[in-house]
Amino acid sequence: MPLQTEFAFNLPRGYVDSDGNIHKQGTMRLATAMDEISPLRDLRVKANQAYLAVPLLARVITHLGNLSEVNTGVIENLFSADFAYLQNFYVQINEYGSDKVPAVCPQCNQKFEVDLNSGG
C-alpha cells in the first residue's frame, strides 16, 4: 500500500478572495523537516511565535480552490474557524497519517472513524 502524502480538505467557511469568490476545497501535503524548520528563520515568527502556523501552512497547502498560489497573505486572511481547522488538520495528517480520527459512541461503545472532511 503506497504512502498517502496528500490529503483533501473542505474549509468550514472558505477563503474569500479580492473578487468575492469563495475557495473551500483544497489539498494539504505531509510536512517535511524543512517545512517545520524554514519558518523559524522568518522575522515575523522570531518576533511572535504564534505566527509560526502561518508560513508553515502556506508551505504545505498545495491547492485551495481556484487560487494560483497559497501564500502567507492567503493564510493571514482566513476566517479564524478555517485557520483553526487547518491547524488541526495539519496535526492530524502529520501525526497520524490520516484525515480520519477514531471515535467511540458514548451510548453503545461502538468504535468508528470520523472523516475530518465530512463531519461524519
PDB file of N, CA and C in Angstrom:
ATOM      1  N   MET A   1       0.851  -1.177   0.000  1.00  0.00           N
ATOM      2  CA  MET A   1       0.000   0.000   0.000  1.00  0.00           C
ATOM      3  C   MET A   1       0.898   1.242   0.000  1.00  0.00           C
ATOM      4  N   PRO A   2       0.742   2.121  -0.975  1.00  0.00           N
ATOM      5  CA  PRO A   2       1.606   3.306  -1.051  1.00  0.00           C
ATOM      6  C   PRO A   2       1.298   4.309   0.061  1.00  0.00           C
ATOM      7  N   LEU A   3       2.308   5.064   0.417  1.00  0.00           N
ATOM      8  CA  LEU A   3       2.170   6.098   1.432  1.00  0.00           C
ATOM      9  C   LEU A   3       1.346   7.255   0.881  1.00  0.00           C
ATOM     10  N   GLN A   4       0.300   7.627   1.588  1.00  0.00           N
ATOM     11  CA  GLN A   4      -0.501   8.778   1.179  1.00  0.00           C
ATOM     12  C   GLN A   4       0.193  10.036   1.690  1.00  0.00           C
ATOM     13  N   THR A   5       0.523  10.954   0.772  1.00  0.00           N
ATOM     14  CA  THR A   5       1.242  12.171   1.157  1.00  0.00           C
ATOM     15  C   THR A   5       0.420  13.434   0.965  1.00  0.00           C
ATOM     16  N   GLU A   6      -0.724  13.337   0.294  1.00  0.00           N
ATOM     17  CA  GLU A   6      -1.603  14.496   0.115  1.00  0.00           C
ATOM     18  C   GLU A   6      -3.010  14.145   0.577  1.00  0.00           C
ATOM     19  N   PHE A   7      -3.651  15.127   1.189  1.00  0.00           N
ATOM     20  CA  PHE A   7      -4.975  14.923   1.761  1.00  0.00           C
ATOM     21  C   PHE A   7      -5.881  16.085   1.371  1.00  0.00           C
ATOM     22  N   ALA A   8      -7.071  15.759   0.912  1.00  0.00           N
ATOM     23  CA  ALA A   8      -8.048  16.786   0.542  1.00  0.00           C
ATOM     24  C   ALA A   8      -8.746  17.312   1.792  1.00  0.00           C
ATOM     25  N   PHE A   9      -9.133  18.574   1.737  1.00  0.00           N
ATOM     26  CA  PHE A   9      -9.892  19.169   2.840  1.00  0.00           C
ATOM     27  C   PHE A   9     -10.957  20.108   2.286  1.00  0.00           C
ATOM     28  N   ASN A  10     -11.938  20.402   3.134  1.00  0.00           N
ATOM     29  CA  ASN A  10     -13.003  21.361   2.838  1.00  0.00           C
ATOM     30  C   ASN A  10     -13.098  22.323   4.008  1.00  0.00           C
ATOM     31  N   LEU A  11     -12.809  23.584   3.771  1.00  0.00           N
ATOM     32  CA  LEU A  11     -12.856  24.576   4.842  1.00  0.00           C
ATOM     33  C   LEU A  11     -14.288  24.792   5.315  1.00  0.00           C
ATOM     34  N   PRO A  12     -14.470  25.027   6.602  1.00  0.00           N
ATOM     35  CA  PRO A  12     -15.818  25.277   7.130  1.00  0.00           C
ATOM     36  C   PRO A  12     -16.479  26.522   6.522  1.00  0.00           C
ATOM     37  N   ARG A  13     -15.727  27.591   6.358  1.00  0.00           N
ATOM     38  CA  ARG A  13     -16.285  28.833   5.815  1.00  0.00           C
ATOM     39  C   ARG A  13     -15.747  29.136   4.415  1.00  0.00           C
ATOM     40  N   GLY A  14     -14.458  29.045   4.242  1.00  0.00           N
ATOM     41  CA  GLY A  14     -13.846  29.296   2.945  1.00  0.00           C
ATOM     42  C   GLY A  14     -13.116  30.622   2.887  1.00  0.00           C
ATOM     43  N   TYR A  15     -12.069  30.645   2.091  1.00  0.00           N
ATOM     44  CA  TYR A  15     -11.279  31.861   1.867  1.00  0.00           C
ATOM     45  C   TYR A  15     -12.001  32.716   0.828  1.00  0.00           C
ATOM     46  N   VAL A  16     -12.178  33.998   1.137  1.00  0.00           N
ATOM     47  CA  VAL A  16     -12.826  34.929   0.213  1.00  0.00           C
ATOM     48  C   VAL A  16     -11.737  35.783  -0.427  1.00  0.00           C
ATOM     49  N   ASP A  17     -11.597  35.663  -1.766  1.00  0.00           N
ATOM     50  CA  ASP A  17     -10.560  36.428  -2.458  1.00  0.00           C
ATOM     51  C   ASP A  17     -11.022  37.862  -2.725  1.00  0.00           C
ATOM     52  N   SER A  18     -10.173  38.660  -3.344  1.00  0.00           N
ATOM     53  CA  SER A  18     -10.456  40.084  -3.564  1.00  0.00           C
ATOM     54  C   SER A  18     -11.641  40.318  -4.503  1.00  0.00           C
ATOM     55  N   ASP A  19     -12.012  39.298  -5.279  1.00  0.00           N
ATOM     56  CA  ASP A  19     -13.176  39.415  -6.166  1.00  0.00           C
ATOM     57  C   ASP A  19     -14.454  38.899  -5.517  1.00  0.00           C
ATOM     58  N   GLY A  20     -14.351  38.441  -4.283  1.00  0.00           N
ATOM     59  CA  GLY A  20     -15.517  37.915  -3.579  1.00  0.00           C
ATOM     60  C   GLY A  20     -15.775  36.441  -3.801  1.00  0.00           C
ATOM     61  N   ASN A  21     -14.880  35.754  -4.514  1.00  0.00           N
ATOM     62  CA  ASN A  21     -15.019  34.313  -4.734  1.00  0.00           C
ATOM     63  C   ASN A  21     -14.635  33.553  -3.473  1.00  0.00           C
ATOM     64  N   ILE A  22     -15.371  32.493  -3.187  1.00  0.00           N
ATOM     65  CA  ILE A  22     -15.104  31.670  -2.008  1.00  0.00           C
ATOM     66  C   ILE A  22     -14.386  30.402  -2.439  1.00  0.00           C
ATOM     67  N   HIS A  23     -13.284  30.109  -1.761  1.00  0.00           N
ATOM     68  CA  HIS A  23     -12.472  28.919  -2.043  1.00  0.00           C
ATOM     69  C   HIS A  23     -12.497  28.031  -0.803  1.00  0.00           C
ATOM     70  N   LYS A  24     -13.090  26.847  -0.929  1.00  0.00           N
ATOM     71  CA  LYS A  24     -13.249  25.948   0.220  1.00  0.00           C
ATOM     72  C   LYS A  24     -12.455  24.655   0.096  1.00  0.00           C
ATOM     73  N   GLN A  25     -12.372  24.105  -1.106  1.00  0.00           N
ATOM     74  CA  GLN A  25     -11.723  22.813  -1.288  1.00  0.00           C
ATOM     75  C   GLN A  25     -10.232  22.999  -1.530  1.00  0.00           C
ATOM     76  N   GLY A  26      -9.449  22.167  -0.877  1.00  0.00           N
ATOM     77  CA  GLY A  26      -8.012  22.260  -1.053  1.00  0.00           C
ATOM     78  C   GLY A  26      -7.326  20.946  -0.784  1.00  0.00           C
ATOM     79  N   THR A  27      -5.997  21.012  -0.860  1.00  0.00           N
ATOM     80  CA  THR A  27      -5.149  19.854  -0.616  1.00  0.00           C
ATOM     81  C   THR A  27      -3.980  20.267   0.254  1.00  0.00           C
ATOM     82  N   MET A  28      -3.662  19.436   1.220  1.00  0.00           N
ATOM     83  CA  MET A  28      -2.501  19.655   2.077  1.00  0.00           C
ATOM     84  C   MET A  28      -1.619  18.423   1.971  1.00  0.00           C
ATOM     85  N   ARG A  29      -0.307  18.653   1.876  1.00  0.00           N
ATOM     86  CA  ARG A  29       0.636  17.535   1.829  1.00  0.00           C
ATOM     87  C   ARG A  29       1.269  17.347   3.202  1.00  0.00           C
ATOM     88  N   LEU A  30       1.846  16.186   3.400  1.00  0.00           N
ATOM     89  CA  LEU A  30       2.596  15.938   4.623  1.00  0.00           C
ATOM     90  C   LEU A  30       3.771  16.909   4.695  1.00  0.00           C
ATOM     91  N   ALA A  31       4.107  17.336   5.877  1.00  0.00           N
ATOM     92  CA  ALA A  31       5.211  18.271   6.081  1.00  0.00           C
ATOM     93  C   ALA A  31       6.542  17.529   6.109  1.00  0.00           C
ATOM     94  N   THR A  32       7.556  18.222   5.631  1.00  0.00           N
ATOM     95  CA  THR A  32       8.930  17.724   5.738  1.00  0.00           C
ATOM     96  C   THR A  32       9.602  18.421   6.916  1.00  0.00           C
ATOM     97  N   ALA A  33      10.782  17.956   7.259  1.00  0.00           N
ATOM     98  CA  ALA A  33      11.543  18.623   8.319  1.00  0.00           C
ATOM     99  C   ALA A  33      11.813  20.075   7.945  1.00  0.00           C
ATOM    100  N   MET A  34      12.148  20.323   6.669  1.00  0.00           N
ATOM    101  CA  MET A  34      12.431  21.695   6.230  1.00  0.00           C
ATOM    102  C   MET A  34      11.191  22.579   6.321  1.00  0.00           C
ATOM    103  N   ASP A  35      10.013  22.003   6.090  1.00  0.00           N
ATOM    104  CA  ASP A  35       8.782  22.786   6.231  1.00  0.00           C
ATOM    105  C   ASP A  35       8.639  23.316   7.657  1.00  0.00           C
ATOM    106  N   GLU A  36       9.062  22.545   8.619  1.00  0.00           N
ATOM    107  CA  GLU A  36       8.938  22.973  10.007  1.00  0.00           C
ATOM    108  C   GLU A  36      10.104  23.850  10.455  1.00  0.00           C
ATOM    109  N   ILE A  37      11.262  23.681   9.842  1.00  0.00           N
ATOM    110  CA  ILE A  37      12.445  24.458  10.230  1.00  0.00           C
ATOM    111  C   ILE A  37      12.482  25.823   9.550  1.00  0.00           C
ATOM    112  N   SER A  38      12.194  25.865   8.283  1.00  0.00           N
ATOM    113  CA  SER A  38      12.322  27.093   7.499  1.00  0.00           C
ATOM    114  C   SER A  38      11.555  28.291   8.070  1.00  0.00           C
ATOM    115  N   PRO A  39      10.304  28.128   8.513  1.00  0.00           N
ATOM    116  CA  PRO A  39       9.590  29.283   9.054  1.00  0.00           C
ATOM    117  C   PRO A  39      10.232  29.890  10.308  1.00  0.00           C
ATOM    118  N   LEU A  40      11.067  29.117  10.980  1.00  0.00           N
ATOM    119  CA  LEU A  40      11.727  29.643  12.181  1.00  0.00           C
ATOM    120  C   LEU A  40      12.710  30.761  11.850  1.00  0.00           C
ATOM    121  N   ARG A  41      13.112  30.858  10.569  1.00  0.00           N
ATOM    122  CA  ARG A  41      14.014  31.927  10.129  1.00  0.00           C
ATOM    123  C   ARG A  41      13.265  33.221   9.813  1.00  0.00           C
ATOM    124  N   ASP A  42      11.947  33.122   9.672  1.00  0.00           N
ATOM    125  CA  ASP A  42      11.106  34.267   9.318  1.00  0.00           C
ATOM    126  C   ASP A  42      11.115  35.281  10.472  1.00  0.00           C
ATOM    127  N   LEU A  43      11.394  36.523  10.159  1.00  0.00           N
ATOM    128  CA  LEU A  43      11.449  37.570  11.196  1.00  0.00           C
ATOM    129  C   LEU A  43      10.120  37.745  11.908  1.00  0.00           C
ATOM    130  N   ARG A  44       9.012  37.519  11.202  1.00  0.00           N
ATOM    131  CA  ARG A  44       7.693  37.630  11.839  1.00  0.00           C
ATOM    132  C   ARG A  44       7.509  36.535  12.886  1.00  0.00           C
ATOM    133  N   VAL A  45       8.055  35.363  12.623  1.00  0.00           N
ATOM    134  CA  VAL A  45       7.981  34.259  13.584  1.00  0.00           C
ATOM    135  C   VAL A  45       8.899  34.544  14.766  1.00  0.00           C
ATOM    136  N   LYS A  46      10.085  35.082  14.483  1.00  0.00           N
ATOM    137  CA  LYS A  46      11.012  35.420  15.569  1.00  0.00           C
ATOM    138  C   LYS A  46      10.412  36.462  16.495  1.00  0.00           C
ATOM    139  N   ALA A  47       9.647  37.388  15.941  1.00  0.00           N
ATOM    140  CA  ALA A  47       9.023  38.440  16.742  1.00  0.00           C
ATOM    141  C   ALA A  47       7.788  37.939  17.485  1.00  0.00           C
ATOM    142  N   ASN A  48       7.142  36.901  16.933  1.00  0.00           N
ATOM    143  CA  ASN A  48       5.901  36.402  17.528  1.00  0.00           C
ATOM    144  C   ASN A  48       5.743  34.924  17.166  1.00  0.00           C
ATOM    145  N   GLN A  49       6.029  34.040  18.099  1.00  0.00           N
ATOM    146  CA  GLN A  49       5.972  32.595  17.848  1.00  0.00           C
ATOM    147  C   GLN A  49       4.588  32.129  17.403  1.00  0.00           C
ATOM    148  N   ALA A  50       3.548  32.859  17.771  1.00  0.00           N
ATOM    149  CA  ALA A  50       2.194  32.490  17.365  1.00  0.00           C
ATOM    150  C   ALA A  50       2.029  32.553  15.846  1.00  0.00           C
ATOM    151  N   TYR A  51       2.888  33.316  15.177  1.00  0.00           N
ATOM    152  CA  TYR A  51       2.813  33.472  13.722  1.00  0.00           C
ATOM    153  C   TYR A  51       3.349  32.235  12.984  1.00  0.00           C
ATOM    154  N   LEU A  52       4.016  31.334  13.676  1.00  0.00           N
ATOM    155  CA  LEU A  52       4.645  30.160  13.063  1.00  0.00           C
ATOM    156  C   LEU A  52       3.688  29.369  12.174  1.00  0.00           C
ATOM    157  N   ALA A  53       2.452  29.229  12.579  1.00  0.00           N
ATOM    158  CA  ALA A  53       1.499  28.431  11.804  1.00  0.00           C
ATOM    159  C   ALA A  53       1.219  29.031  10.430  1.00  0.00           C
ATOM    160  N   VAL A  54       1.349  30.342  10.280  1.00  0.00           N
ATOM    161  CA  VAL A  54       1.028  30.989   9.006  1.00  0.00           C
ATOM    162  C   VAL A  54       1.987  30.556   7.897  1.00  0.00           C
ATOM    163  N   PRO A  55       3.297  30.768   8.026  1.00  0.00           N
ATOM    164  CA  PRO A  55       4.183  30.315   6.944  1.00  0.00           C
ATOM    165  C   PRO A  55       4.230  28.791   6.815  1.00  0.00           C
ATOM    166  N   LEU A  56       4.023  28.084   7.906  1.00  0.00           N
ATOM    167  CA  LEU A  56       4.013  26.627   7.852  1.00  0.00           C
ATOM    168  C   LEU A  56       2.847  26.126   6.991  1.00  0.00           C
ATOM    169  N   LEU A  57       1.654  26.642   7.241  1.00  0.00           N
ATOM    170  CA  LEU A  57       0.501  26.236   6.434  1.00  0.00           C
ATOM    171  C   LEU A  57       0.652  26.668   4.982  1.00  0.00           C
ATOM    172  N   ALA A  58       1.228  27.842   4.760  1.00  0.00           N
ATOM    173  CA  ALA A  58       1.433  28.323   3.384  1.00  0.00           C
ATOM    174  C   ALA A  58       2.361  27.380   2.611  1.00  0.00           C
ATOM    175  N   ARG A  59       3.273  26.716   3.295  1.00  0.00           N
ATOM    176  CA  ARG A  59       4.202  25.790   2.642  1.00  0.00           C
ATOM    177  C   ARG A  59       3.541  24.460   2.296  1.00  0.00           C
ATOM    178  N   VAL A  60       2.642  23.972   3.146  1.00  0.00           N
ATOM    179  CA  VAL A  60       2.116  22.615   2.967  1.00  0.00           C
ATOM    180  C   VAL A  60       0.763  22.553   2.260  1.00  0.00           C
ATOM    181  N   ILE A  61       0.063  23.669   2.144  1.00  0.00           N
ATOM    182  CA  ILE A  61      -1.191  23.675   1.385  1.00  0.00           C
ATOM    183  C   ILE A  61      -0.825  23.825  -0.087  1.00  0.00           C
ATOM    184  N   THR A  62      -1.106  22.793  -0.843  1.00  0.00           N
ATOM    185  CA  THR A  62      -0.698  22.761  -2.254  1.00  0.00           C
ATOM    186  C   THR A  62      -1.772  23.291  -3.185  1.00  0.00           C
ATOM    187  N   HIS A  63      -2.987  23.399  -2.701  1.00  0.00           N
ATOM    188  CA  HIS A  63      -4.096  23.814  -3.560  1.00  0.00           C
ATOM    189  C   HIS A  63      -5.214  24.366  -2.682  1.00  0.00           C
ATOM    190  N   LEU A  64      -5.824  25.455  -3.109  1.00  0.00           N
ATOM    191  CA  LEU A  64      -7.015  25.982  -2.445  1.00  0.00           C
ATOM    192  C   LEU A  64      -7.906  26.624  -3.498  1.00  0.00           C
ATOM    193  N   GLY A  65      -9.015  25.957  -3.769  1.00  0.00           N
ATOM    194  CA  GLY A  65      -9.963  26.464  -4.760  1.00  0.00           C
ATOM    195  C   GLY A  65      -9.287  26.735  -6.097  1.00  0.00           C
ATOM    196  N   ASN A  66      -9.571  27.915  -6.670  1.00  0.00           N
ATOM    197  CA  ASN A  66      -9.000  28.303  -7.962  1.00  0.00           C
ATOM    198  C   ASN A  66      -7.802  29.230  -7.823  1.00  0.00           C
ATOM    199  N   LEU A  67      -7.256  29.352  -6.633  1.00  0.00           N
ATOM    200  CA  LEU A  67      -6.116  30.241  -6.428  1.00  0.00           C
ATOM    201  C   LEU A  67      -4.887  29.713  -7.157  1.00  0.00           C
ATOM    202  N   SER A  68      -4.099  30.618  -7.711  1.00  0.00           N
ATOM    203  CA  SER A  68      -2.882  30.207  -8.405  1.00  0.00           C
ATOM    204  C   SER A  68      -1.788  29.819  -7.418  1.00  0.00           C
ATOM    205  N   GLU A  69      -1.818  30.392  -6.220  1.00  0.00           N
ATOM    206  CA  GLU A  69      -0.860  30.012  -5.175  1.00  0.00           C
ATOM    207  C   GLU A  69      -1.458  30.284  -3.802  1.00  0.00           C
ATOM    208  N   VAL A  70      -0.947  29.550  -2.824  1.00  0.00           N
ATOM    209  CA  VAL A  70      -1.318  29.783  -1.436  1.00  0.00           C
ATOM    210  C   VAL A  70      -0.077  30.331  -0.757  1.00  0.00           C
ATOM    211  N   ASN A  71      -0.171  31.569  -0.284  1.00  0.00           N
ATOM    212  CA  ASN A  71       0.969  32.209   0.379  1.00  0.00           C
ATOM    213  C   ASN A  71       0.549  32.707   1.758  1.00  0.00           C
ATOM    214  N   THR A  72       1.454  33.349   2.453  1.00  0.00           N
ATOM    215  CA  THR A  72       1.143  33.806   3.813  1.00  0.00           C
ATOM    216  C   THR A  72      -0.011  34.809   3.821  1.00  0.00           C
ATOM    217  N   GLY A  73      -0.139  35.607   2.767  1.00  0.00           N
ATOM    218  CA  GLY A  73      -1.247  36.556   2.693  1.00  0.00           C
ATOM    219  C   GLY A  73      -2.600  35.866   2.692  1.00  0.00           C
ATOM    220  N   VAL A  74      -2.686  34.740   1.984  1.00  0.00           N
ATOM    221  CA  VAL A  74      -3.925  33.968   1.960  1.00  0.00           C
ATOM    222  C   VAL A  74      -4.213  33.425   3.354  1.00  0.00           C
ATOM    223  N   ILE A  75      -3.222  32.825   3.982  1.00  0.00           N
ATOM    224  CA  ILE A  75      -3.413  32.239   5.309  1.00  0.00           C
ATOM    225  C   ILE A  75      -3.787  33.314   6.326  1.00  0.00           C
ATOM    226  N   GLU A  76      -3.151  34.473   6.255  1.00  0.00           N
ATOM    227  CA  GLU A  76      -3.455  35.569   7.183  1.00  0.00           C
ATOM    228  C   GLU A  76      -4.896  36.044   7.074  1.00  0.00           C
ATOM    229  N   ASN A  77      -5.496  35.884   5.906  1.00  0.00           N
ATOM    230  CA  ASN A  77      -6.845  36.383   5.685  1.00  0.00           C
ATOM    231  C   ASN A  77      -7.936  35.321   5.765  1.00  0.00           C
ATOM    232  N   LEU A  78      -7.590  34.157   6.270  1.00  0.00           N
ATOM    233  CA  LEU A  78      -8.605  33.137   6.515  1.00  0.00           C
ATOM    234  C   LEU A  78      -9.453  33.537   7.712  1.00  0.00           C
ATOM    235  N   PHE A  79     -10.700  33.105   7.723  1.00  0.00           N
ATOM    236  CA  PHE A  79     -11.518  33.265   8.919  1.00  0.00           C
ATOM    237  C   PHE A  79     -10.904  32.402  10.016  1.00  0.00           C
ATOM    238  N   SER A  80     -11.080  32.800  11.259  1.00  0.00           N
ATOM    239  CA  SER A  80     -10.440  32.079  12.364  1.00  0.00           C
ATOM    240  C   SER A  80     -10.878  30.620  12.427  1.00  0.00           C
ATOM    241  N   ALA A  81     -12.128  30.317  12.083  1.00  0.00           N
ATOM    242  CA  ALA A  81     -12.593  28.924  12.090  1.00  0.00           C
ATOM    243  C   ALA A  81     -11.825  28.094  11.062  1.00  0.00           C
ATOM    244  N   ASP A  82     -11.549  28.682   9.903  1.00  0.00           N
ATOM    245  CA  ASP A  82     -10.800  27.964   8.868  1.00  0.00           C
ATOM    246  C   ASP A  82      -9.340  27.792   9.268  1.00  0.00           C
ATOM    247  N   PHE A  83      -8.765  28.816   9.880  1.00  0.00           N
ATOM    248  CA  PHE A  83      -7.375  28.748  10.343  1.00  0.00           C
ATOM    249  C   PHE A  83      -7.234  27.644  11.397  1.00  0.00           C
ATOM    250  N   ALA A  84      -8.154  27.601  12.350  1.00  0.00           N
ATOM    251  CA  ALA A  84      -8.123  26.570  13.387  1.00  0.00           C
ATOM    252  C   ALA A  84      -8.321  25.178  12.779  1.00  0.00           C
ATOM    253  N   TYR A  85      -9.232  25.079  11.822  1.00  0.00           N
ATOM    254  CA  TYR A  85      -9.473  23.807  11.142  1.00  0.00           C
ATOM    255  C   TYR A  85      -8.183  23.317  10.481  1.00  0.00           C
ATOM    256  N   LEU A  86      -7.491  24.202   9.753  1.00  0.00           N
ATOM    257  CA  LEU A  86      -6.263  23.803   9.055  1.00  0.00           C
ATOM    258  C   LEU A  86      -5.153  23.422  10.025  1.00  0.00           C
ATOM    259  N   GLN A  87      -5.059  24.107  11.153  1.00  0.00           N
ATOM    260  CA  GLN A  87      -4.055  23.733  12.150  1.00  0.00           C
ATOM    261  C   GLN A  87      -4.340  22.325  12.679  1.00  0.00           C
ATOM    262  N   ASN A  88      -5.594  22.037  12.979  1.00  0.00           N
ATOM    263  CA  ASN A  88      -5.965  20.706  13.466  1.00  0.00           C
ATOM    264  C   ASN A  88      -5.749  19.644  12.395  1.00  0.00           C
ATOM    265  N   PHE A  89      -6.091  19.978  11.161  1.00  0.00           N
ATOM    266  CA  PHE A  89      -5.921  19.056  10.040  1.00  0.00           C
ATOM    267  C   PHE A  89      -4.443  18.739   9.851  1.00  0.00           C
ATOM    268  N   TYR A  90      -3.588  19.753   9.948  1.00  0.00           N
ATOM    269  CA  TYR A  90      -2.139  19.583   9.832  1.00  0.00           C
ATOM    270  C   TYR A  90      -1.635  18.575  10.877  1.00  0.00           C
ATOM    271  N   VAL A  91      -2.045  18.768  12.119  1.00  0.00           N
ATOM    272  CA  VAL A  91      -1.626  17.871  13.196  1.00  0.00           C
ATOM    273  C   VAL A  91      -2.123  16.451  12.920  1.00  0.00           C
ATOM    274  N   GLN A  92      -3.377  16.335  12.525  1.00  0.00           N
ATOM    275  CA  GLN A  92      -3.959  15.013  12.297  1.00  0.00           C
ATOM    276  C   GLN A  92      -3.215  14.246  11.212  1.00  0.00           C
ATOM    277  N   ILE A  93      -2.995  14.863  10.063  1.00  0.00           N
ATOM    278  CA  ILE A  93      -2.360  14.095   8.973  1.00  0.00           C
ATOM    279  C   ILE A  93      -0.878  13.863   9.232  1.00  0.00           C
ATOM    280  N   ASN A  94      -0.204  14.789   9.909  1.00  0.00           N
ATOM    281  CA  ASN A  94       1.231  14.612  10.140  1.00  0.00           C
ATOM    282  C   ASN A  94       1.540  13.698  11.320  1.00  0.00           C
ATOM    283  N   GLU A  95       0.687  13.670  12.309  1.00  0.00           N
ATOM    284  CA  GLU A  95       0.937  12.793  13.452  1.00  0.00           C
ATOM    285  C   GLU A  95       0.350  11.404  13.257  1.00  0.00           C
ATOM    286  N   TYR A  96      -0.793  11.328  12.565  1.00  0.00           N
ATOM    287  CA  TYR A  96      -1.487  10.049  12.452  1.00  0.00           C
ATOM    288  C   TYR A  96      -1.536   9.504  11.034  1.00  0.00           C
ATOM    289  N   GLY A  97      -1.133  10.314  10.041  1.00  0.00           N
ATOM    290  CA  GLY A  97      -1.099   9.848   8.666  1.00  0.00           C
ATOM    291  C   GLY A  97      -2.465   9.620   8.048  1.00  0.00           C
ATOM    292  N   SER A  98      -3.482  10.261   8.608  1.00  0.00           N
ATOM    293  CA  SER A  98      -4.837  10.056   8.116  1.00  0.00           C
ATOM    294  C   SER A  98      -5.675  11.298   8.375  1.00  0.00           C
ATOM    295  N   ASP A  99      -6.726  11.454   7.570  1.00  0.00           N
ATOM    296  CA  ASP A  99      -7.663  12.542   7.815  1.00  0.00           C
ATOM    297  C   ASP A  99      -8.900  12.021   8.547  1.00  0.00           C
ATOM    298  N   LYS A 100      -8.778  10.828   9.125  1.00  0.00           N
ATOM    299  CA  LYS A 100      -9.859  10.230   9.901  1.00  0.00           C
ATOM    300  C   LYS A 100      -9.407  10.073  11.351  1.00  0.00           C
ATOM    301  N   VAL A 101     -10.321  10.314  12.263  1.00  0.00           N
ATOM    302  CA  VAL A 101      -9.999  10.170  13.674  1.00  0.00           C
ATOM    303  C   VAL A 101     -10.883   9.085  14.290  1.00  0.00           C
ATOM    304  N   PRO A 102     -10.317   8.290  15.197  1.00  0.00           N
ATOM    305  CA  PRO A 102     -11.129   7.258  15.845  1.00  0.00           C
ATOM    306  C   PRO A 102     -12.101   7.889  16.837  1.00  0.00           C
ATOM    307  N   ALA A 103     -13.270   7.284  16.948  1.00  0.00           N
ATOM    308  CA  ALA A 103     -14.284   7.770  17.891  1.00  0.00           C
ATOM    309  C   ALA A 103     -15.005   6.557  18.473  1.00  0.00           C
ATOM    310  N   VAL A 104     -15.698   6.793  19.581  1.00  0.00           N
ATOM    311  CA  VAL A 104     -16.477   5.745  20.237  1.00  0.00           C
ATOM    312  C   VAL A 104     -17.843   6.329  20.589  1.00  0.00           C
ATOM    313  N   CYS A 105     -18.879   5.598  20.247  1.00  0.00           N
ATOM    314  CA  CYS A 105     -20.239   6.025  20.586  1.00  0.00           C
ATOM    315  C   CYS A 105     -20.392   5.989  22.104  1.00  0.00           C
ATOM    316  N   PRO A 106     -20.817   7.096  22.713  1.00  0.00           N
ATOM    317  CA  PRO A 106     -20.948   7.120  24.172  1.00  0.00           C
ATOM    318  C   PRO A 106     -22.093   6.253  24.688  1.00  0.00           C
ATOM    319  N   GLN A 107     -23.033   5.881  23.831  1.00  0.00           N
ATOM    320  CA  GLN A 107     -24.178   5.076  24.277  1.00  0.00           C
ATOM    321  C   GLN A 107     -23.940   3.581  24.142  1.00  0.00           C
ATOM    322  N   CYS A 108     -23.367   3.167  22.995  1.00  0.00           N
ATOM    323  CA  CYS A 108     -23.216   1.723  22.763  1.00  0.00           C
ATOM    324  C   CYS A 108     -21.762   1.253  22.743  1.00  0.00           C
ATOM    325  N   ASN A 109     -20.823   2.190  22.880  1.00  0.00           N
ATOM    326  CA  ASN A 109     -19.386   1.892  22.859  1.00  0.00           C
ATOM    327  C   ASN A 109     -18.889   1.329  21.535  1.00  0.00           C
ATOM    328  N   GLN A 110     -19.659   1.500  20.465  1.00  0.00           N
ATOM    329  CA  GLN A 110     -19.231   1.073  19.129  1.00  0.00           C
ATOM    330  C   GLN A 110     -18.107   1.990  18.663  1.00  0.00           C
ATOM    331  N   LYS A 111     -17.028   1.401  18.127  1.00  0.00           N
ATOM    332  CA  LYS A 111     -15.909   2.171  17.598  1.00  0.00           C
ATOM    333  C   LYS A 111     -16.144   2.468  16.127  1.00  0.00           C
ATOM    334  N   PHE A 112     -15.769   3.674  15.701  1.00  0.00           N
ATOM    335  CA  PHE A 112     -15.906   4.069  14.303  1.00  0.00           C
ATOM    336  C   PHE A 112     -14.928   5.199  14.027  1.00  0.00           C
ATOM    337  N   GLU A 113     -14.815   5.567  12.761  1.00  0.00           N
ATOM    338  CA  GLU A 113     -13.936   6.676  12.372  1.00  0.00           C
ATOM    339  C   GLU A 113     -14.775   7.841  11.892  1.00  0.00           C
ATOM    340  N   VAL A 114     -14.290   9.043  12.193  1.00  0.00           N
ATOM    341  CA  VAL A 114     -14.931  10.256  11.725  1.00  0.00           C
ATOM    342  C   VAL A 114     -13.999  10.904  10.707  1.00  0.00           C
ATOM    343  N   ASP A 115     -14.528  11.157   9.525  1.00  0.00           N
ATOM    344  CA  ASP A 115     -13.780  11.818   8.466  1.00  0.00           C
ATOM    345  C   ASP A 115     -13.774  13.313   8.749  1.00  0.00           C
ATOM    346  N   LEU A 116     -12.594  13.912   8.889  1.00  0.00           N
ATOM    347  CA  LEU A 116     -12.496  15.333   9.207  1.00  0.00           C
ATOM    348  C   LEU A 116     -13.071  16.225   8.116  1.00  0.00           C
ATOM    349  N   ASN A 117     -13.260  15.697   6.926  1.00  0.00           N
ATOM    350  CA  ASN A 117     -13.780  16.497   5.824  1.00  0.00           C
ATOM    351  C   ASN A 117     -15.298  16.460   5.725  1.00  0.00           C
ATOM    352  N   SER A 118     -15.932  15.449   6.286  1.00  0.00           N
ATOM    353  CA  SER A 118     -17.378  15.356   6.132  1.00  0.00           C
ATOM    354  C   SER A 118     -18.118  15.557   7.436  1.00  0.00           C
ATOM    355  N   GLY A 119     -17.387  15.535   8.558  1.00  0.00           N
ATOM    356  CA  GLY A 119     -18.049  15.649   9.853  1.00  0.00           C
ATOM    357  C   GLY A 119     -18.752  14.379  10.287  1.00  0.00           C
ATOM    358  N   GLY A 120     -18.619  13.320   9.529  1.00  0.00           N
ATOM    359  CA  GLY A 120     -19.250  12.067   9.918  1.00  0.00           C
ATOM    360  C   GLY A 120     -18.853  11.025   9.003  1.00  0.00           C
TER     361      GLY A 120
END
